[in-house]
Amino acid sequence: MTTVRLPTEIEQKLEAISQEKHKSKSEIIKEALEKLFYSEESQKNSYELGIEFFGKFGSGKGNLSVTYKEKIKDKIHAKRRTH
């Protein structure tokens, strides 16, 4: 069993919702907590959100992050040779 102390304003809002929906305050709080738990569990981190896109548009060359400087130099030299 858990006891929660609520500020007056929240207690009044809870009472109003309870009367409006014809439910006990406990039921309203349980429903709110269930929604919170579901929301927390369903939130994905950045990796999980992008996992379907990782590698989807890759070049197939696994060394590009290591050899990019060399590739840039080659392109610059190739431009100079054509002029």
N, C-alpha and C. Protein backbone atom coordinates (compact mmCIF):
# COMPACT_ATOMS: atom_id res chain seq x y z
N MET A 1 0.85 -1.17 0.00
CA MET A 1 0.00 0.00 0.00
C MET A 1 0.89 1.23 0.00
N THR A 2 0.54 2.21 -0.81
CA THR A 2 1.30 3.44 -0.92
C THR A 2 0.39 4.62 -0.60
N THR A 3 0.92 5.56 0.12
CA THR A 3 0.17 6.78 0.44
C THR A 3 0.88 7.94 -0.22
N VAL A 4 0.10 8.83 -0.81
CA VAL A 4 0.66 9.98 -1.50
C VAL A 4 0.01 11.25 -0.96
N ARG A 5 0.82 12.23 -0.66
CA ARG A 5 0.29 13.53 -0.23
C ARG A 5 0.26 14.43 -1.46
N LEU A 6 -0.91 14.96 -1.76
CA LEU A 6 -1.08 15.80 -2.94
C LEU A 6 -1.28 17.25 -2.54
N PRO A 7 -0.75 18.17 -3.35
CA PRO A 7 -1.05 19.57 -3.11
C PRO A 7 -2.56 19.81 -3.27
N THR A 8 -3.06 20.82 -2.62
CA THR A 8 -4.50 21.11 -2.62
C THR A 8 -5.05 21.22 -4.04
N GLU A 9 -4.34 21.91 -4.91
CA GLU A 9 -4.81 22.11 -6.29
C GLU A 9 -4.98 20.78 -7.02
N ILE A 10 -4.03 19.89 -6.87
CA ILE A 10 -4.12 18.57 -7.53
C ILE A 10 -5.23 17.75 -6.90
N GLU A 11 -5.36 17.82 -5.62
CA GLU A 11 -6.43 17.09 -4.91
C GLU A 11 -7.80 17.56 -5.41
N GLN A 12 -7.96 18.85 -5.62
CA GLN A 12 -9.23 19.38 -6.11
C GLN A 12 -9.52 18.92 -7.54
N LYS A 13 -8.49 18.92 -8.37
CA LYS A 13 -8.66 18.45 -9.75
C LYS A 13 -9.02 16.97 -9.77
N LEU A 14 -8.34 16.21 -8.93
CA LEU A 14 -8.62 14.77 -8.83
C LEU A 14 -10.06 14.53 -8.38
N GLU A 15 -10.51 15.29 -7.41
CA GLU A 15 -11.89 15.17 -6.91
C GLU A 15 -12.89 15.49 -8.02
N ALA A 16 -12.61 16.53 -8.79
CA ALA A 16 -13.51 16.92 -9.88
C ALA A 16 -13.59 15.83 -10.95
N ILE A 17 -12.46 15.28 -11.32
CA ILE A 17 -12.45 14.20 -12.33
C ILE A 17 -13.16 12.97 -11.79
N SER A 18 -12.93 12.68 -10.53
CA SER A 18 -13.56 11.53 -9.88
C SER A 18 -15.08 11.64 -9.94
N GLN A 19 -15.61 12.80 -9.63
CA GLN A 19 -17.06 13.01 -9.66
C GLN A 19 -17.59 12.99 -11.08
N GLU A 20 -16.85 13.61 -12.00
CA GLU A 20 -17.27 13.67 -13.40
C GLU A 20 -17.36 12.29 -14.03
N LYS A 21 -16.39 11.44 -13.72
CA LYS A 21 -16.33 10.11 -14.34
C LYS A 21 -17.00 9.03 -13.50
N HIS A 22 -17.49 9.41 -12.33
CA HIS A 22 -18.12 8.45 -11.42
C HIS A 22 -17.19 7.29 -11.09
N LYS A 23 -15.95 7.65 -10.80
CA LYS A 23 -14.94 6.67 -10.41
C LYS A 23 -14.29 7.15 -9.12
N SER A 24 -13.73 6.19 -8.39
CA SER A 24 -13.04 6.59 -7.16
C SER A 24 -11.71 7.27 -7.52
N LYS A 25 -11.20 8.04 -6.58
CA LYS A 25 -9.91 8.69 -6.80
C LYS A 25 -8.83 7.64 -6.99
N SER A 26 -8.93 6.53 -6.29
CA SER A 26 -7.94 5.45 -6.46
C SER A 26 -7.94 4.92 -7.89
N GLU A 27 -9.13 4.74 -8.46
CA GLU A 27 -9.21 4.25 -9.84
C GLU A 27 -8.58 5.24 -10.82
N ILE A 28 -8.85 6.52 -10.61
CA ILE A 28 -8.29 7.55 -11.49
C ILE A 28 -6.76 7.53 -11.39
N ILE A 29 -6.24 7.44 -10.18
CA ILE A 29 -4.78 7.42 -9.98
C ILE A 29 -4.17 6.18 -10.60
N LYS A 30 -4.81 5.02 -10.43
CA LYS A 30 -4.29 3.78 -11.03
C LYS A 30 -4.23 3.90 -12.55
N GLU A 31 -5.30 4.44 -13.15
CA GLU A 31 -5.32 4.60 -14.61
C GLU A 31 -4.21 5.54 -15.07
N ALA A 32 -4.02 6.62 -14.32
CA ALA A 32 -2.97 7.58 -14.68
C ALA A 32 -1.60 6.93 -14.59
N LEU A 33 -1.38 6.14 -13.56
CA LEU A 33 -0.09 5.46 -13.41
C LEU A 33 0.13 4.43 -14.51
N GLU A 34 -0.91 3.71 -14.88
CA GLU A 34 -0.79 2.73 -15.96
C GLU A 34 -0.41 3.43 -17.27
N LYS A 35 -1.02 4.59 -17.53
CA LYS A 35 -0.66 5.35 -18.74
C LYS A 35 0.79 5.81 -18.68
N LEU A 36 1.22 6.26 -17.52
CA LEU A 36 2.62 6.69 -17.34
C LEU A 36 3.57 5.53 -17.58
N PHE A 37 3.28 4.38 -16.99
CA PHE A 37 4.16 3.21 -17.15
C PHE A 37 4.22 2.78 -18.61
N TYR A 38 3.07 2.77 -19.28
CA TYR A 38 3.04 2.38 -20.69
C TYR A 38 3.87 3.36 -21.52
N SER A 39 3.71 4.64 -21.25
CA SER A 39 4.45 5.66 -21.97
C SER A 39 5.96 5.51 -21.76
N GLU A 40 6.36 5.27 -20.54
CA GLU A 40 7.79 5.09 -20.22
C GLU A 40 8.36 3.86 -20.91
N GLU A 41 7.59 2.77 -20.90
CA GLU A 41 8.07 1.52 -21.50
C GLU A 41 8.13 1.61 -23.01
N SER A 42 7.24 2.40 -23.61
CA SER A 42 7.19 2.44 -25.07
C SER A 42 8.15 3.46 -25.66
N GLN A 43 8.75 4.30 -24.83
CA GLN A 43 9.72 5.26 -25.35
C GLN A 43 10.99 4.52 -25.74
N LYS A 44 11.47 4.84 -26.93
CA LYS A 44 12.68 4.20 -27.43
C LYS A 44 13.83 5.20 -27.38
N ASN A 45 15.03 4.67 -27.24
CA ASN A 45 16.19 5.55 -27.29
C ASN A 45 16.55 5.83 -28.75
N SER A 46 17.50 6.71 -28.97
CA SER A 46 17.87 7.13 -30.32
C SER A 46 18.28 5.95 -31.20
N TYR A 47 19.02 5.02 -30.64
CA TYR A 47 19.47 3.86 -31.41
C TYR A 47 18.27 3.03 -31.87
N GLU A 48 17.34 2.77 -30.95
CA GLU A 48 16.17 1.96 -31.29
C GLU A 48 15.30 2.64 -32.35
N LEU A 49 15.20 3.97 -32.30
CA LEU A 49 14.40 4.69 -33.29
C LEU A 49 15.02 4.63 -34.69
N GLY A 50 16.34 4.60 -34.78
CA GLY A 50 16.99 4.64 -36.08
C GLY A 50 17.50 3.32 -36.60
N ILE A 51 17.32 2.26 -35.85
CA ILE A 51 17.93 0.97 -36.21
C ILE A 51 17.52 0.49 -37.60
N GLU A 52 16.30 0.76 -38.02
CA GLU A 52 15.87 0.29 -39.34
C GLU A 52 16.56 1.04 -40.48
N PHE A 53 17.15 2.19 -40.18
CA PHE A 53 17.81 2.97 -41.22
C PHE A 53 19.32 2.76 -41.26
N PHE A 54 19.91 2.20 -40.23
CA PHE A 54 21.36 2.03 -40.18
C PHE A 54 21.82 1.08 -41.28
N GLY A 55 22.74 1.55 -42.10
CA GLY A 55 23.28 0.71 -43.16
C GLY A 55 22.38 0.58 -44.36
N LYS A 56 21.21 1.15 -44.31
CA LYS A 56 20.24 1.00 -45.41
C LYS A 56 20.76 1.63 -46.70
N PHE A 57 21.44 2.75 -46.57
CA PHE A 57 21.92 3.45 -47.75
C PHE A 57 23.44 3.46 -47.81
N GLY A 58 24.04 2.44 -47.25
CA GLY A 58 25.49 2.37 -47.20
C GLY A 58 26.11 2.11 -48.56
N SER A 59 27.40 2.41 -48.65
CA SER A 59 28.13 2.22 -49.90
C SER A 59 28.65 0.80 -50.04
N GLY A 60 28.66 0.09 -48.94
CA GLY A 60 29.23 -1.25 -48.97
C GLY A 60 30.73 -1.25 -48.72
N LYS A 61 31.29 -0.07 -48.56
CA LYS A 61 32.72 0.07 -48.31
C LYS A 61 32.90 0.36 -46.82
N GLY A 62 33.49 -0.54 -46.13
CA GLY A 62 33.62 -0.43 -44.69
C GLY A 62 34.75 0.45 -44.19
N ASN A 63 35.57 0.97 -45.11
CA ASN A 63 36.74 1.73 -44.67
C ASN A 63 36.63 3.23 -44.97
N LEU A 64 35.47 3.72 -45.33
CA LEU A 64 35.34 5.12 -45.74
C LEU A 64 35.68 6.10 -44.63
N SER A 65 35.38 5.77 -43.40
CA SER A 65 35.68 6.70 -42.32
C SER A 65 37.18 6.78 -42.05
N VAL A 66 37.92 5.80 -42.51
CA VAL A 66 39.37 5.78 -42.29
C VAL A 66 40.11 6.40 -43.47
N THR A 67 39.59 6.20 -44.67
CA THR A 67 40.32 6.62 -45.88
C THR A 67 39.75 7.88 -46.53
N TYR A 68 38.90 8.63 -45.83
CA TYR A 68 38.26 9.78 -46.46
C TYR A 68 39.27 10.85 -46.90
N LYS A 69 40.33 11.09 -46.11
CA LYS A 69 41.32 12.10 -46.49
C LYS A 69 42.01 11.73 -47.80
N GLU A 70 42.34 10.47 -47.94
CA GLU A 70 42.99 10.00 -49.16
C GLU A 70 42.06 10.16 -50.35
N LYS A 71 40.82 9.86 -50.19
CA LYS A 71 39.84 9.97 -51.27
C LYS A 71 39.66 11.43 -51.70
N ILE A 72 39.65 12.35 -50.74
CA ILE A 72 39.54 13.78 -51.06
C ILE A 72 40.76 14.24 -51.85
N LYS A 73 41.95 13.84 -51.41
CA LYS A 73 43.18 14.21 -52.14
C LYS A 73 43.13 13.69 -53.57
N ASP A 74 42.67 12.45 -53.74
CA ASP A 74 42.58 11.86 -55.09
C ASP A 74 41.63 12.67 -55.97
N LYS A 75 40.51 13.10 -55.42
CA LYS A 75 39.55 13.88 -56.21
C LYS A 75 40.12 15.25 -56.58
N ILE A 76 40.83 15.88 -55.67
CA ILE A 76 41.44 17.18 -55.96
C ILE A 76 42.50 17.04 -57.04
N HIS A 77 43.34 16.01 -56.94
CA HIS A 77 44.37 15.77 -57.95
C HIS A 77 43.75 15.44 -59.31
N ALA A 78 42.67 14.71 -59.29
CA ALA A 78 41.99 14.35 -60.55
C ALA A 78 41.43 15.59 -61.22
N LYS A 79 40.91 16.54 -60.47
CA LYS A 79 40.41 17.79 -61.04
C LYS A 79 41.54 18.61 -61.66
N ARG A 80 42.65 18.66 -60.98
CA ARG A 80 43.78 19.43 -61.47
C ARG A 80 44.35 18.83 -62.77
N ARG A 81 44.34 17.53 -62.89
CA ARG A 81 44.87 16.85 -64.07
C ARG A 81 44.01 17.12 -65.30
N THR A 82 42.70 17.34 -65.11
CA THR A 82 41.81 17.53 -66.26
C THR A 82 41.85 18.94 -66.79
N HIS A 83 42.41 19.90 -66.04
CA HIS A 83 42.44 21.30 -66.49
C HIS A 83 43.68 21.60 -67.22
